[in-house]
Amino acid sequence: MVRYVVVGGGIAGVTCVETLSSLCPEEEVLLITASPLIKAITNYKKITKTLEDFDVEERPSISLQTECINVKVLQKSVVSLNARSHVLKLSDGEEVHYQKLCLCTGGRPKLILDSSPYILGIRDTESVQEFQKRLSTARRVMVLGNGGIATELVYEIEGCEVVWAIKDKSISNTFVDPGAGEFFMAEINKKKEAREEKPSKRLKYTVQDVRSLSTKDTPLGGALGPDWSADLSMTGTQEISHCVTVEKCVEVRRVYTREEFQESGKRSTDLSGNVDQDSWPIYIELTNDKVYGCDFLVSATGVIPNTSQFLAGNQFSLAEDGGICVDDKMRTSEVDVYAAGDVCTACWEPAQHWLQMRLWSQARQMGAYSAQCMVADIKGQPISLDFCFEVFAHVTKFFGYKVILLGKFNAQGLGRDYEILLRVTKGLEYVKVVLRNGRMEGAILIGETDLEETFENLILNKTDLTPFKDHLLDPDIDIEDFFD
């Protein structure tokens, strides 16, 4: 029997394994991963108490055994779990008996149509490489979705017409408010500044580098990390830079093959609204009655937790979003089974300023914390909820701008009982503060504002800002010194 077993080689799983290895150097830790690649955290640094920045580097899964001498890696798929007997059955028939198990199998892209070869999901390195291959011969693509991956794709694609179809009234709605969406709209068709050529550390290996395998049965790798699109060539065949058309408040009504579209008698439009005379492999009809012909469609509408191989014969509690419910010790409803990352849903009563989003930063935090909880349970030691779950904090980059999200940054769960303070300098910065009863509940910081640490402290300390709110965003006042 192995004391600690972790399933999944993404950010949550690898962080969990590394933390277990550090906490229990005398114990064997087993990582089971279907992919030959794992996601390793590099260049980690804390920006504030809760904000953290890091790179994600892909490595052969076997590299973990070299770095952590008490870790063993099995590159196999899990077929089933018998939680009552504490047994995992693997794809080759091998059975693994565990004392503590952590499920970190992530999620898979939601695709509007699984059967079409012209609809792609972006989730791991292999899907990105397939996207690049398709894009290199493309004239027009449609991006469906309004989250982080969709936003980054729209910004990065060059030499190709892009139709960005979103169900909301503003772009990047998953992360930012309509005001910030308008701030970004001014950048959407600008020519990007030339980047200094540098090697990418993130996509260091591919599945083909590790073993020759390229079939539909190729297992999904771990989720993409921060700046996944950096240094990647995303260029189509057209002699244009950015050419993005945004279709707001729409969903996909129907997807046609070329033959089906010809039989339908419908007409498609080009980006100018004229009848499109070209022939396309796929046609997408939107709910605003527009039809666009495209070379392919990228479905970037979120993920579905990867739980299927664990549910049969077990009694896991599932959340409405399909994730496995975990309590504030990362425990599932099955004894000695924990979960972390995209596969799970936090079902404890959250702190006032924290919320779950399926992000690489939270995958790392959950992976580390679940390891601590497993060890504490084995040793019979008490453990309190990690400080990282006190306030939501995330840093990313959209349209070339640094973006920091803190607390209830979009007034999530506050109803109408809040007020907003704004400071906007076009092309430079966008600062939004959410206040309730004079106290800061959340903030969006776009650009080099240097306000993140001060605002995080104001949120955590629940400082009454009523006497200062008229001057809180005054650019002539040094807020950091004021509240020092």
Protein backbone atom coordinates (compact mmCIF):
# COMPACT_ATOMS: atom_id res chain seq x y z
CA MET A 1 0.00 0.00 0.00
CA VAL A 2 1.22 3.47 -0.90
CA ARG A 3 0.59 6.12 1.73
CA TYR A 4 0.11 9.07 -0.66
CA VAL A 5 -1.20 8.77 -4.24
CA VAL A 6 -1.94 11.71 -6.52
CA VAL A 7 -3.73 11.40 -9.88
CA GLY A 8 -3.02 14.07 -12.50
CA GLY A 9 0.11 15.79 -13.78
CA GLY A 10 -1.21 19.32 -14.08
CA ILE A 11 -0.41 22.27 -11.84
CA ALA A 12 -2.54 21.05 -8.90
CA GLY A 13 -1.25 17.47 -9.04
CA VAL A 14 2.43 18.33 -9.40
CA THR A 15 2.24 20.95 -6.65
CA CYS A 16 0.53 18.42 -4.39
CA VAL A 17 3.24 15.82 -5.07
CA GLU A 18 6.09 18.27 -4.52
CA THR A 19 4.55 19.47 -1.25
CA LEU A 20 4.02 15.90 -0.04
CA SER A 21 7.60 15.06 -0.95
CA SER A 22 8.87 18.02 1.05
CA LEU A 23 6.65 17.38 4.09
CA CYS A 24 7.26 13.61 4.18
CA PRO A 25 10.71 12.88 2.72
CA GLU A 26 10.65 9.42 4.30
CA GLU A 27 7.37 8.38 2.64
CA GLU A 28 6.84 7.14 -0.92
CA VAL A 29 4.64 9.46 -2.97
CA LEU A 30 3.10 8.10 -6.16
CA LEU A 31 1.98 10.29 -9.06
CA ILE A 32 -0.23 8.68 -11.70
CA THR A 33 -0.55 10.69 -14.90
CA ALA A 34 -1.90 9.75 -18.31
CA SER A 35 0.26 12.30 -20.10
CA PRO A 36 4.03 12.00 -20.60
CA LEU A 37 4.26 15.69 -19.68
CA ILE A 38 3.80 17.37 -16.32
CA LYS A 39 3.44 21.05 -15.43
CA ALA A 40 6.19 22.40 -13.19
CA ILE A 41 6.03 25.75 -11.40
CA THR A 42 9.10 27.91 -12.01
CA ASN A 43 10.16 31.48 -11.19
CA TYR A 44 7.68 31.62 -8.33
CA LYS A 45 7.44 34.91 -6.46
CA LYS A 46 4.98 36.43 -4.05
CA ILE A 47 3.80 39.87 -5.10
CA THR A 48 1.69 40.50 -1.98
CA LYS A 49 0.36 38.35 0.85
CA THR A 50 -2.03 36.57 -1.51
CA LEU A 51 -0.96 37.58 -5.03
CA GLU A 52 1.61 35.32 -6.63
CA ASP A 53 3.29 35.18 -10.00
CA PHE A 54 4.99 32.21 -11.64
CA ASP A 55 5.82 30.54 -14.91
CA VAL A 56 4.76 27.05 -15.92
CA GLU A 57 7.32 24.84 -17.58
CA GLU A 58 6.50 21.55 -19.23
CA ARG A 59 8.79 18.64 -18.47
CA PRO A 60 8.78 14.89 -19.02
CA SER A 61 6.81 13.36 -16.15
CA ILE A 62 9.77 11.20 -15.25
CA SER A 63 11.71 14.34 -14.24
CA LEU A 64 9.84 14.46 -10.93
CA GLN A 65 11.59 11.27 -9.84
CA THR A 66 14.94 12.96 -10.32
CA GLU A 67 14.02 16.09 -8.39
CA CYS A 68 12.09 14.36 -5.60
CA ILE A 69 13.79 11.09 -4.68
CA ASN A 70 10.79 9.75 -2.75
CA VAL A 71 8.42 10.30 -5.70
CA LYS A 72 7.52 7.57 -8.17
CA VAL A 73 5.70 8.37 -11.43
CA LEU A 74 3.43 5.97 -13.30
CA GLN A 75 2.47 7.10 -16.79
CA LYS A 76 -0.84 5.29 -17.00
CA SER A 77 -4.53 6.09 -17.11
CA VAL A 78 -6.88 5.44 -14.22
CA VAL A 79 -9.79 3.25 -15.30
CA SER A 80 -11.75 3.12 -12.05
CA LEU A 81 -11.68 3.85 -8.34
CA ASN A 82 -13.02 1.73 -5.51
CA ALA A 83 -13.03 4.29 -2.73
CA ARG A 84 -14.37 1.88 -0.13
CA SER A 85 -11.49 -0.54 -0.71
CA HIS A 86 -8.93 2.24 -1.33
CA VAL A 87 -7.96 0.78 -4.73
CA LEU A 88 -7.26 2.41 -8.09
CA LYS A 89 -7.40 0.25 -11.22
CA LEU A 90 -5.10 1.33 -14.04
CA SER A 91 -5.31 0.94 -17.81
CA ASP A 92 -2.96 -2.05 -17.90
CA GLY A 93 -4.87 -3.89 -15.17
CA GLU A 94 -2.51 -2.94 -12.36
CA GLU A 95 -4.14 -2.11 -9.03
CA VAL A 96 -2.79 0.54 -6.69
CA HIS A 97 -3.73 0.43 -3.00
CA TYR A 98 -3.51 3.79 -1.24
CA GLN A 99 -3.92 5.25 2.21
CA LYS A 100 -4.57 8.82 1.08
CA LEU A 101 -5.61 9.80 -2.46
CA CYS A 102 -5.80 13.21 -4.09
CA LEU A 103 -7.64 13.62 -7.40
CA CYS A 104 -6.15 16.39 -9.56
CA THR A 105 -7.44 15.39 -12.99
CA GLY A 106 -8.42 18.90 -14.04
CA GLY A 107 -11.06 19.60 -16.65
CA ARG A 108 -11.68 19.24 -20.36
CA PRO A 109 -12.87 21.95 -22.76
CA LYS A 110 -16.58 22.43 -23.30
CA LEU A 111 -17.16 21.95 -27.02
CA ILE A 112 -20.39 23.03 -28.66
CA LEU A 113 -20.08 20.07 -31.01
CA ASP A 114 -17.74 17.16 -30.36
CA SER A 115 -18.14 15.51 -33.75
CA SER A 116 -16.87 18.29 -36.02
CA PRO A 117 -13.18 18.24 -37.01
CA TYR A 118 -13.44 22.02 -37.52
CA ILE A 119 -14.21 22.79 -33.86
CA LEU A 120 -11.22 22.95 -31.54
CA GLY A 121 -10.88 23.29 -27.80
CA ILE A 122 -7.83 24.94 -26.26
CA ARG A 123 -6.76 23.31 -23.03
CA ASP A 124 -3.25 21.87 -23.08
CA THR A 125 -0.06 22.11 -25.10
CA GLU A 126 -1.13 19.54 -27.67
CA SER A 127 -4.35 21.42 -28.44
CA VAL A 128 -2.37 24.67 -28.78
CA GLN A 129 -0.06 23.02 -31.29
CA GLU A 130 -3.03 21.74 -33.27
CA PHE A 131 -4.47 25.25 -33.23
CA GLN A 132 -1.19 26.72 -34.53
CA LYS A 133 -1.08 24.16 -37.32
CA ARG A 134 -4.64 24.98 -38.42
CA LEU A 135 -4.12 28.71 -38.10
CA SER A 136 -1.05 28.69 -40.35
CA THR A 137 -3.30 27.99 -43.36
CA ALA A 138 -6.39 29.90 -42.19
CA ARG A 139 -8.01 33.04 -43.56
CA ARG A 140 -10.79 33.42 -41.00
CA VAL A 141 -11.54 31.84 -37.63
CA MET A 142 -14.29 32.27 -35.08
CA VAL A 143 -13.51 32.40 -31.35
CA LEU A 144 -16.44 31.48 -29.13
CA GLY A 145 -16.21 32.42 -25.47
CA ASN A 146 -15.44 35.39 -23.27
CA GLY A 147 -12.91 34.17 -20.71
CA GLY A 148 -9.16 34.30 -20.40
CA ILE A 149 -8.18 31.96 -23.22
CA ALA A 150 -10.59 33.58 -25.68
CA THR A 151 -9.31 37.05 -24.77
CA GLU A 152 -5.67 36.04 -25.19
CA LEU A 153 -6.35 34.28 -28.50
CA VAL A 154 -8.11 37.30 -29.98
CA TYR A 155 -5.18 39.51 -29.01
CA GLU A 156 -2.50 37.16 -30.29
CA ILE A 157 -3.92 36.08 -33.66
CA GLU A 158 -2.45 37.96 -36.60
CA GLY A 159 -2.68 37.53 -40.35
CA CYS A 160 -6.20 36.16 -40.09
CA GLU A 161 -9.72 37.55 -39.81
CA VAL A 162 -11.25 36.85 -36.40
CA VAL A 163 -14.92 36.80 -35.47
CA TRP A 164 -15.24 36.94 -31.68
CA ALA A 165 -18.68 35.70 -30.64
CA ILE A 166 -19.65 36.41 -27.03
CA LYS A 167 -22.90 35.99 -25.13
CA ASP A 168 -22.33 39.11 -23.04
CA LYS A 169 -22.61 42.83 -23.70
CA SER A 170 -18.89 43.44 -23.21
CA ILE A 171 -15.65 41.62 -23.93
CA SER A 172 -13.63 39.67 -21.33
CA ASN A 173 -16.73 39.60 -19.13
CA THR A 174 -15.57 36.55 -17.16
CA PHE A 175 -12.82 38.67 -15.62
CA VAL A 176 -13.62 42.35 -15.97
CA ASP A 177 -16.61 44.71 -15.90
CA PRO A 178 -18.09 46.47 -18.96
CA GLY A 179 -16.01 49.58 -18.27
CA ALA A 180 -12.79 47.62 -18.45
CA GLY A 181 -14.19 45.84 -21.50
CA GLU A 182 -14.53 49.20 -23.22
CA PHE A 183 -10.99 50.09 -22.14
CA PHE A 184 -9.77 46.93 -23.90
CA MET A 185 -11.96 47.50 -26.99
CA ALA A 186 -9.76 50.46 -27.89
CA GLU A 187 -6.84 48.02 -28.15
CA ILE A 188 -8.53 45.20 -30.02
CA ASN A 189 -7.42 46.07 -33.55
CA LYS A 190 -4.22 47.91 -32.72
CA LYS A 191 -1.00 46.58 -34.14
CA LYS A 192 0.99 44.91 -31.41
CA GLU A 193 4.44 46.20 -30.61
CA ALA A 194 7.17 43.93 -31.93
CA ARG A 195 8.36 41.54 -29.27
CA GLU A 196 12.01 40.89 -28.55
CA GLU A 197 12.72 37.39 -29.81
CA LYS A 198 13.39 35.02 -26.94
CA PRO A 199 13.06 31.30 -26.38
CA SER A 200 9.88 30.02 -24.78
CA LYS A 201 10.47 28.11 -21.57
CA ARG A 202 6.90 27.00 -21.23
CA LEU A 203 6.40 24.75 -24.24
CA LYS A 204 9.74 23.05 -23.83
CA TYR A 205 8.60 19.55 -24.68
CA THR A 206 5.82 17.99 -26.71
CA VAL A 207 4.26 14.57 -26.49
CA GLN A 208 6.05 13.66 -29.70
CA ASP A 209 9.37 14.57 -28.11
CA VAL A 210 8.75 12.08 -25.33
CA ARG A 211 7.05 9.36 -27.31
CA SER A 212 5.57 9.08 -30.77
CA LEU A 213 1.84 9.23 -30.25
CA SER A 214 -0.79 11.29 -32.04
CA THR A 215 -4.25 9.82 -32.00
CA LYS A 216 -7.70 10.77 -30.81
CA ASP A 217 -6.99 8.71 -27.71
CA THR A 218 -4.03 10.86 -26.71
CA PRO A 219 -4.73 11.87 -23.10
CA LEU A 220 -5.18 15.52 -22.28
CA GLY A 221 -2.21 17.15 -20.64
CA GLY A 222 -2.47 19.54 -17.72
CA ALA A 223 -4.16 22.88 -18.15
CA LEU A 224 -2.25 25.78 -19.66
CA GLY A 225 -0.43 28.02 -17.23
CA PRO A 226 0.03 31.80 -17.09
CA ASP A 227 1.26 33.57 -20.23
CA TRP A 228 0.69 30.34 -22.16
CA SER A 229 0.44 32.33 -25.39
CA ALA A 230 3.71 34.19 -24.93
CA ASP A 231 6.26 33.65 -27.67
CA LEU A 232 3.95 31.46 -29.74
CA SER A 233 3.45 32.13 -33.43
CA MET A 234 -0.26 32.67 -34.07
CA THR A 235 -0.32 33.84 -37.65
CA GLY A 236 -2.66 33.07 -40.51
CA THR A 237 -2.24 33.52 -44.26
CA GLN A 238 -3.50 37.09 -44.73
CA GLU A 239 -1.35 40.21 -45.13
CA ILE A 240 -3.03 41.91 -42.16
CA SER A 241 -2.21 42.50 -38.53
CA HIS A 242 -5.33 42.50 -36.39
CA CYS A 243 -8.77 42.22 -37.95
CA VAL A 244 -11.28 41.42 -35.22
CA THR A 245 -15.06 41.66 -35.46
CA VAL A 246 -16.91 41.33 -32.14
CA GLU A 247 -20.44 39.91 -32.17
CA LYS A 248 -22.00 40.66 -28.77
CA CYS A 249 -25.01 39.08 -27.04
CA VAL A 250 -24.99 36.04 -29.33
CA GLU A 251 -24.74 32.29 -29.12
CA VAL A 252 -24.27 29.67 -31.80
CA ARG A 253 -27.58 28.59 -33.27
CA ARG A 254 -26.27 26.00 -35.70
CA VAL A 255 -23.07 24.72 -37.25
CA TYR A 256 -23.15 23.72 -40.93
CA THR A 257 -20.75 21.71 -43.03
CA ARG A 258 -20.09 23.15 -46.48
CA GLU A 259 -22.57 20.75 -48.04
CA GLU A 260 -25.28 21.41 -45.43
CA PHE A 261 -24.90 25.13 -45.89
CA GLN A 262 -25.22 24.91 -49.65
CA GLU A 263 -28.40 22.89 -49.26
CA SER A 264 -29.85 25.32 -46.69
CA GLY A 265 -30.19 28.19 -49.16
CA LYS A 266 -28.84 30.63 -46.55
CA ARG A 267 -26.27 33.32 -47.25
CA SER A 268 -23.15 34.07 -45.28
CA THR A 269 -21.59 37.50 -44.79
CA ASP A 270 -18.04 38.75 -44.87
CA LEU A 271 -16.68 41.06 -42.18
CA SER A 272 -18.03 44.09 -44.04
CA GLY A 273 -21.56 42.73 -43.98
CA ASN A 274 -21.61 41.90 -47.69
CA VAL A 275 -22.52 38.52 -49.13
CA ASP A 276 -19.53 36.22 -48.78
CA GLN A 277 -18.61 34.69 -52.11
CA ASP A 278 -15.94 32.37 -50.72
CA SER A 279 -16.39 28.72 -49.86
CA TRP A 280 -15.56 27.63 -46.31
CA PRO A 281 -15.16 24.28 -44.53
CA ILE A 282 -17.60 25.30 -41.78
CA TYR A 283 -20.39 27.84 -41.42
CA ILE A 284 -21.63 29.15 -38.07
CA GLU A 285 -25.09 30.64 -37.70
CA LEU A 286 -25.43 32.99 -34.72
CA THR A 287 -28.58 33.90 -32.83
CA ASN A 288 -28.51 37.39 -34.38
CA ASP A 289 -29.17 35.62 -37.73
CA LYS A 290 -25.69 36.32 -39.09
CA VAL A 291 -23.83 33.44 -40.71
CA TYR A 292 -20.05 33.39 -40.97
CA GLY A 293 -17.95 31.01 -43.02
CA CYS A 294 -14.70 30.06 -41.28
CA ASP A 295 -11.75 27.73 -41.59
CA PHE A 296 -12.43 26.53 -38.05
CA LEU A 297 -14.00 27.55 -34.74
CA VAL A 298 -12.26 27.70 -31.37
CA SER A 299 -14.65 26.78 -28.55
CA ALA A 300 -13.29 28.54 -25.45
CA THR A 301 -16.36 28.46 -23.25
CA GLY A 302 -14.91 26.97 -20.09
CA VAL A 303 -14.15 23.49 -18.82
CA ILE A 304 -15.97 20.42 -17.55
CA PRO A 305 -14.38 18.74 -14.50
CA ASN A 306 -12.77 15.38 -15.36
CA THR A 307 -14.64 13.10 -12.98
CA SER A 308 -16.02 10.29 -15.16
CA GLN A 309 -13.55 7.55 -14.21
CA PHE A 310 -14.17 8.06 -10.48
CA LEU A 311 -17.95 8.18 -10.16
CA ALA A 312 -19.07 4.60 -10.89
CA GLY A 313 -19.60 2.64 -7.68
CA ASN A 314 -18.66 5.56 -5.43
CA GLN A 315 -20.66 8.13 -3.49
CA PHE A 316 -19.02 11.42 -4.37
CA SER A 317 -21.04 14.56 -3.76
CA LEU A 318 -21.04 16.68 -6.90
CA ALA A 319 -21.63 20.42 -7.17
CA GLU A 320 -23.96 22.01 -9.71
CA ASP A 321 -21.01 22.73 -12.00
CA GLY A 322 -20.07 19.04 -12.07
CA GLY A 323 -17.05 19.38 -9.80
CA ILE A 324 -16.39 17.01 -6.90
CA CYS A 325 -17.39 18.77 -3.68
CA VAL A 326 -14.58 19.32 -1.19
CA ASP A 327 -14.73 20.70 2.34
CA ASP A 328 -12.31 23.19 3.91
CA LYS A 329 -9.74 20.40 4.31
CA MET A 330 -10.00 19.50 0.59
CA ARG A 331 -11.74 16.23 1.53
CA THR A 332 -14.38 14.71 -0.71
CA SER A 333 -17.39 12.80 0.60
CA GLU A 334 -15.42 9.56 0.25
CA VAL A 335 -13.10 8.70 3.14
CA ASP A 336 -9.39 9.40 2.51
CA VAL A 337 -10.07 10.87 -0.95
CA TYR A 338 -9.13 14.50 -1.51
CA ALA A 339 -9.38 16.66 -4.62
CA ALA A 340 -7.70 19.84 -5.86
CA GLY A 341 -7.75 22.10 -8.91
CA ASP A 342 -10.30 22.18 -11.72
CA VAL A 343 -11.81 18.79 -10.89
CA CYS A 344 -13.17 20.02 -7.55
CA THR A 345 -15.61 22.61 -6.29
CA ALA A 346 -15.07 24.38 -2.98
CA CYS A 347 -18.22 23.59 -0.99
CA TRP A 348 -17.26 25.20 2.29
CA GLU A 349 -18.58 28.60 3.40
CA PRO A 350 -16.11 30.92 1.69
CA ALA A 351 -14.42 33.88 3.32
CA GLN A 352 -16.06 37.24 2.69
CA HIS A 353 -13.65 38.22 -0.09
CA TRP A 354 -12.85 34.86 -1.70
CA LEU A 355 -14.49 33.01 -4.58
CA GLN A 356 -13.48 30.03 -6.68
CA MET A 357 -12.49 30.41 -10.31
CA ARG A 358 -10.79 27.62 -12.21
CA LEU A 359 -7.44 29.34 -12.60
CA TRP A 360 -3.82 28.16 -12.52
CA SER A 361 -3.18 30.25 -9.39
CA GLN A 362 -5.92 28.47 -7.46
CA ALA A 363 -4.84 25.08 -8.80
CA ARG A 364 -1.39 25.65 -7.30
CA GLN A 365 -2.83 26.82 -3.98
CA MET A 366 -5.30 23.95 -3.73
CA GLY A 367 -2.63 21.39 -4.63
CA ALA A 368 -0.29 22.61 -1.90
CA TYR A 369 -3.04 22.90 0.70
CA SER A 370 -4.50 19.45 -0.02
CA ALA A 371 -1.04 17.94 0.58
CA GLN A 372 -0.81 19.73 3.92
CA CYS A 373 -4.27 18.48 4.87
CA MET A 374 -3.46 14.85 4.01
CA VAL A 375 -0.27 14.92 6.07
CA ALA A 376 -1.99 16.64 8.99
CA ASP A 377 -4.70 13.96 9.00
CA ILE A 378 -2.15 11.13 8.96
CA LYS A 379 -0.27 12.72 11.87
CA GLY A 380 -3.42 13.64 13.76
CA GLN A 381 -2.50 17.34 13.71
CA PRO A 382 -4.99 20.23 13.48
CA ILE A 383 -4.82 22.46 10.41
CA SER A 384 -6.62 25.70 9.63
CA LEU A 385 -7.75 26.96 6.24
CA ASP A 386 -4.81 28.39 4.32
CA PHE A 387 -4.50 32.18 4.23
CA CYS A 388 -4.67 32.15 0.42
CA PHE A 389 -8.41 31.46 0.74
CA GLU A 390 -9.00 34.70 2.65
CA VAL A 391 -9.18 36.96 -0.40
CA PHE A 392 -9.43 36.24 -4.12
CA ALA A 393 -6.26 37.43 -5.85
CA HIS A 394 -5.21 36.85 -9.43
CA VAL A 395 -2.69 38.42 -11.80
CA THR A 396 -2.74 37.96 -15.57
CA LYS A 397 -2.20 39.94 -18.77
CA PHE A 398 -4.80 41.00 -21.36
CA PHE A 399 -4.13 43.03 -24.51
CA GLY A 400 -0.60 43.71 -23.28
CA TYR A 401 -1.74 45.17 -19.94
CA LYS A 402 -1.06 43.74 -16.49
CA VAL A 403 -4.41 42.86 -14.91
CA ILE A 404 -4.87 42.32 -11.17
CA LEU A 405 -8.15 41.17 -9.66
CA LEU A 406 -8.77 41.39 -5.92
CA GLY A 407 -11.66 40.27 -3.73
CA LYS A 408 -15.18 40.69 -5.11
CA PHE A 409 -13.72 42.51 -8.09
CA ASN A 410 -17.01 42.48 -10.00
CA ALA A 411 -19.18 42.94 -6.90
CA GLN A 412 -20.01 39.22 -6.95
CA GLY A 413 -22.78 38.43 -4.49
CA LEU A 414 -23.22 42.02 -3.35
CA GLY A 415 -26.56 42.60 -5.07
CA ARG A 416 -27.03 46.34 -5.50
CA ASP A 417 -25.63 47.27 -2.12
CA TYR A 418 -22.32 48.72 -3.26
CA GLU A 419 -20.72 51.74 -4.93
CA ILE A 420 -17.91 51.99 -7.46
CA LEU A 421 -14.98 54.36 -7.71
CA LEU A 422 -13.21 54.66 -11.07
CA ARG A 423 -10.01 56.14 -12.43
CA VAL A 424 -9.44 55.70 -16.14
CA THR A 425 -6.58 56.99 -18.25
CA LYS A 426 -7.14 55.85 -21.83
CA GLY A 427 -4.32 53.69 -23.09
CA LEU A 428 -2.60 53.69 -19.71
CA GLU A 429 -4.63 52.40 -16.77
CA TYR A 430 -8.06 51.39 -15.49
CA VAL A 431 -8.65 51.36 -11.74
CA LYS A 432 -11.95 50.24 -10.27
CA VAL A 433 -12.78 49.94 -6.56
CA VAL A 434 -15.89 48.26 -5.16
CA LEU A 435 -17.05 49.69 -1.82
CA ARG A 436 -19.82 48.57 0.52
CA ASN A 437 -20.61 50.43 3.72
CA GLY A 438 -17.43 52.42 3.21
CA ARG A 439 -15.19 49.35 3.09
CA MET A 440 -13.34 47.98 0.08
CA GLU A 441 -14.78 44.68 -1.17
CA GLY A 442 -12.78 44.29 -4.37
CA ALA A 443 -10.76 45.96 -7.09
CA ILE A 444 -9.69 45.70 -10.72
CA LEU A 445 -6.27 47.14 -11.55
CA ILE A 446 -5.27 47.33 -15.22
CA GLY A 447 -1.86 48.74 -16.11
CA GLU A 448 1.15 49.54 -13.92
CA THR A 449 -0.82 51.03 -11.04
CA ASP A 450 1.33 49.77 -8.12
CA LEU A 451 -1.81 49.76 -5.98
CA GLU A 452 -2.19 46.02 -5.46
CA GLU A 453 -0.52 45.66 -2.06
CA THR A 454 -2.24 48.69 -0.57
CA PHE A 455 -5.65 47.65 -1.86
CA GLU A 456 -5.18 44.07 -0.69
CA ASN A 457 -4.42 45.33 2.81
CA LEU A 458 -7.43 47.64 2.78
CA ILE A 459 -9.65 44.68 1.83
CA LEU A 460 -8.17 42.33 4.43
CA ASN A 461 -8.14 44.91 7.21
CA LYS A 462 -11.71 46.03 6.42
CA THR A 463 -10.59 49.63 6.78
CA ASP A 464 -13.40 52.20 6.90
CA LEU A 465 -12.66 54.40 3.92
CA THR A 466 -15.65 56.72 4.29
CA PRO A 467 -13.51 59.77 5.25
CA PHE A 468 -11.06 59.14 2.38
CA LYS A 469 -13.09 57.80 -0.51
CA ASP A 470 -13.24 61.10 -2.40
CA HIS A 471 -9.45 61.08 -2.54
CA LEU A 472 -8.81 57.34 -2.71
CA LEU A 473 -8.11 57.34 -6.45
CA ASP A 474 -6.64 60.83 -6.67
CA PRO A 475 -3.49 60.36 -8.79
CA ASP A 476 -1.81 63.24 -6.92
CA ILE A 477 -2.06 61.43 -3.57
CA ASP A 478 0.32 58.60 -2.67
CA ILE A 479 -2.20 56.10 -1.27
CA GLU A 480 0.51 53.68 -0.18
CA ASP A 481 2.16 56.26 2.10
CA PHE A 482 -1.21 57.53 3.28
CA PHE A 483 -2.23 54.14 4.71
CA ASP A 484 1.24 53.00 5.74
